């Protein structure tokens, strides 16, 4: 989105801002937990900010959100113990948020 911003925010200097939109299509195979064989789809977006802290520590901060369009039911093996005693778990049709802080040191 923007490069060489060089804006000071307290002890951080904002260097770059990136955005990303993505789509996902796929299916897993060969796992012991059964799921249906349909292809799963989803969309998402990410905001990534490049920072320099304390004038010398390069770092990256990101926030990512994804939404799955399909309902997926995973049947759990008997060894799995859940608080409710359920034998399956449902996924999909919910927003998943991820965030992180990365450090970028080059030797």
Protein backbone atom coordinates (compact mmCIF):
# COMPACT_ATOMS: atom_id res chain seq x y z
CA UNK A 1 0.00 0.00 0.00
CA UNK A 2 2.64 2.52 1.09
CA UNK A 3 6.43 2.40 1.07
CA UNK A 4 8.96 4.59 2.86
CA UNK A 5 6.38 6.17 5.11
CA UNK A 6 8.96 7.03 7.80
CA UNK A 7 6.40 8.19 10.36
CA UNK A 8 7.37 8.22 14.03
CA UNK A 9 4.87 6.77 16.52
CA UNK A 10 6.36 6.88 20.01
CA UNK A 11 9.43 4.62 19.84
CA UNK A 12 8.34 3.00 16.56
CA UNK A 13 9.01 4.19 13.03
CA UNK A 14 6.43 2.95 10.53
CA UNK A 15 8.29 1.94 7.38
CA UNK A 16 5.84 0.04 5.11
CA UNK A 17 2.15 -0.95 5.05
CA UNK A 18 0.92 -3.90 2.99
CA UNK A 19 -2.59 -5.25 2.37
CA UNK A 20 -3.52 -8.57 0.88
CA UNK A 21 -6.79 -10.14 -0.25
CA UNK A 22 -6.86 -13.89 -0.85
CA UNK A 23 -9.08 -16.83 -1.73
CA UNK A 24 -8.59 -20.41 -0.60
CA UNK A 25 -9.68 -23.60 -2.36
CA UNK A 26 -8.60 -27.06 -1.27
CA UNK A 27 -9.18 -30.30 0.53
CA UNK A 28 -7.18 -32.49 2.90
CA UNK A 29 -6.57 -36.16 2.33
CA UNK A 30 -5.04 -39.13 4.07
CA UNK A 31 -5.78 -38.05 7.64
CA UNK A 32 -7.17 -40.37 10.33
CA UNK A 33 -10.06 -37.99 11.11
CA UNK A 34 -12.77 -38.37 8.53
CA UNK A 35 -14.33 -35.38 6.85
CA UNK A 36 -16.39 -35.10 3.72
CA UNK A 37 -14.63 -35.11 0.36
CA UNK A 38 -16.01 -31.78 -0.89
CA UNK A 39 -13.60 -29.03 -1.93
CA UNK A 40 -13.54 -26.31 0.74
CA UNK A 41 -13.46 -22.59 -0.13
CA UNK A 42 -12.86 -19.35 1.73
CA UNK A 43 -11.75 -15.72 1.47
CA UNK A 44 -9.63 -13.45 3.62
CA UNK A 45 -7.69 -10.23 4.06
CA UNK A 46 -4.45 -9.23 5.79
CA UNK A 47 -2.85 -5.99 6.96
CA UNK A 48 0.93 -6.07 7.52
CA UNK A 49 2.92 -3.14 8.92
CA UNK A 50 6.71 -2.89 8.77
CA UNK A 51 8.19 -1.20 11.84
CA UNK A 52 11.56 -0.25 13.24
CA UNK A 53 11.61 -0.02 17.04
CA UNK A 54 14.19 1.75 19.17
CA UNK A 55 15.89 2.98 15.98
CA UNK A 56 17.48 -0.42 15.20
CA UNK A 57 15.13 -3.42 15.64
CA UNK A 58 13.23 -4.24 12.40
CA UNK A 59 9.91 -5.95 13.02
CA UNK A 60 6.61 -6.71 11.32
CA UNK A 61 3.11 -6.75 12.77
CA UNK A 62 0.19 -8.41 10.98
CA UNK A 63 -3.54 -8.96 11.42
CA UNK A 64 -5.27 -11.50 9.19
CA UNK A 65 -8.92 -12.56 8.91
CA UNK A 66 -10.35 -15.52 6.97
CA UNK A 67 -13.89 -16.80 6.42
CA UNK A 68 -14.74 -20.36 5.35
CA UNK A 69 -17.81 -20.80 3.17
CA UNK A 70 -18.36 -24.52 3.87
CA UNK A 71 -19.64 -26.29 6.97
CA UNK A 72 -17.22 -29.09 7.87
CA UNK A 73 -17.85 -31.82 10.42
CA UNK A 74 -14.77 -33.72 11.62
CA UNK A 75 -15.41 -37.05 13.35
CA UNK A 76 -13.00 -37.50 16.24
CA UNK A 77 -11.32 -40.81 17.12
CA UNK A 78 -12.36 -42.48 20.38
CA UNK A 79 -9.08 -41.35 22.07
CA UNK A 80 -10.15 -37.68 21.89
CA UNK A 81 -11.83 -36.39 25.03
CA UNK A 82 -13.93 -33.24 24.77
CA UNK A 83 -15.51 -31.27 27.63
CA UNK A 84 -18.99 -31.95 26.26
CA UNK A 85 -18.36 -35.58 25.32
CA UNK A 86 -19.03 -34.84 21.64
CA UNK A 87 -17.65 -37.23 19.04
CA UNK A 88 -17.38 -34.60 16.29
CA UNK A 89 -16.35 -30.97 15.81
CA UNK A 90 -17.92 -28.47 13.39
CA UNK A 91 -15.91 -25.84 11.53
CA UNK A 92 -16.73 -23.25 8.90
CA UNK A 93 -19.00 -20.27 8.42
CA UNK A 94 -17.04 -18.27 11.01
CA UNK A 95 -14.37 -15.58 10.91
CA UNK A 96 -10.91 -16.67 12.04
CA UNK A 97 -8.53 -13.92 13.23
CA UNK A 98 -4.76 -14.29 13.34
CA UNK A 99 -2.18 -11.78 14.47
CA UNK A 100 1.52 -11.83 15.02
CA UNK A 101 4.72 -9.93 15.62
CA UNK A 102 7.77 -10.91 13.59
CA UNK A 103 11.40 -9.82 13.91
CA UNK A 104 13.51 -9.40 10.79
CA UNK A 105 17.22 -9.70 11.57
CA UNK A 106 19.75 -10.26 8.81
CA UNK A 107 23.15 -11.66 9.68
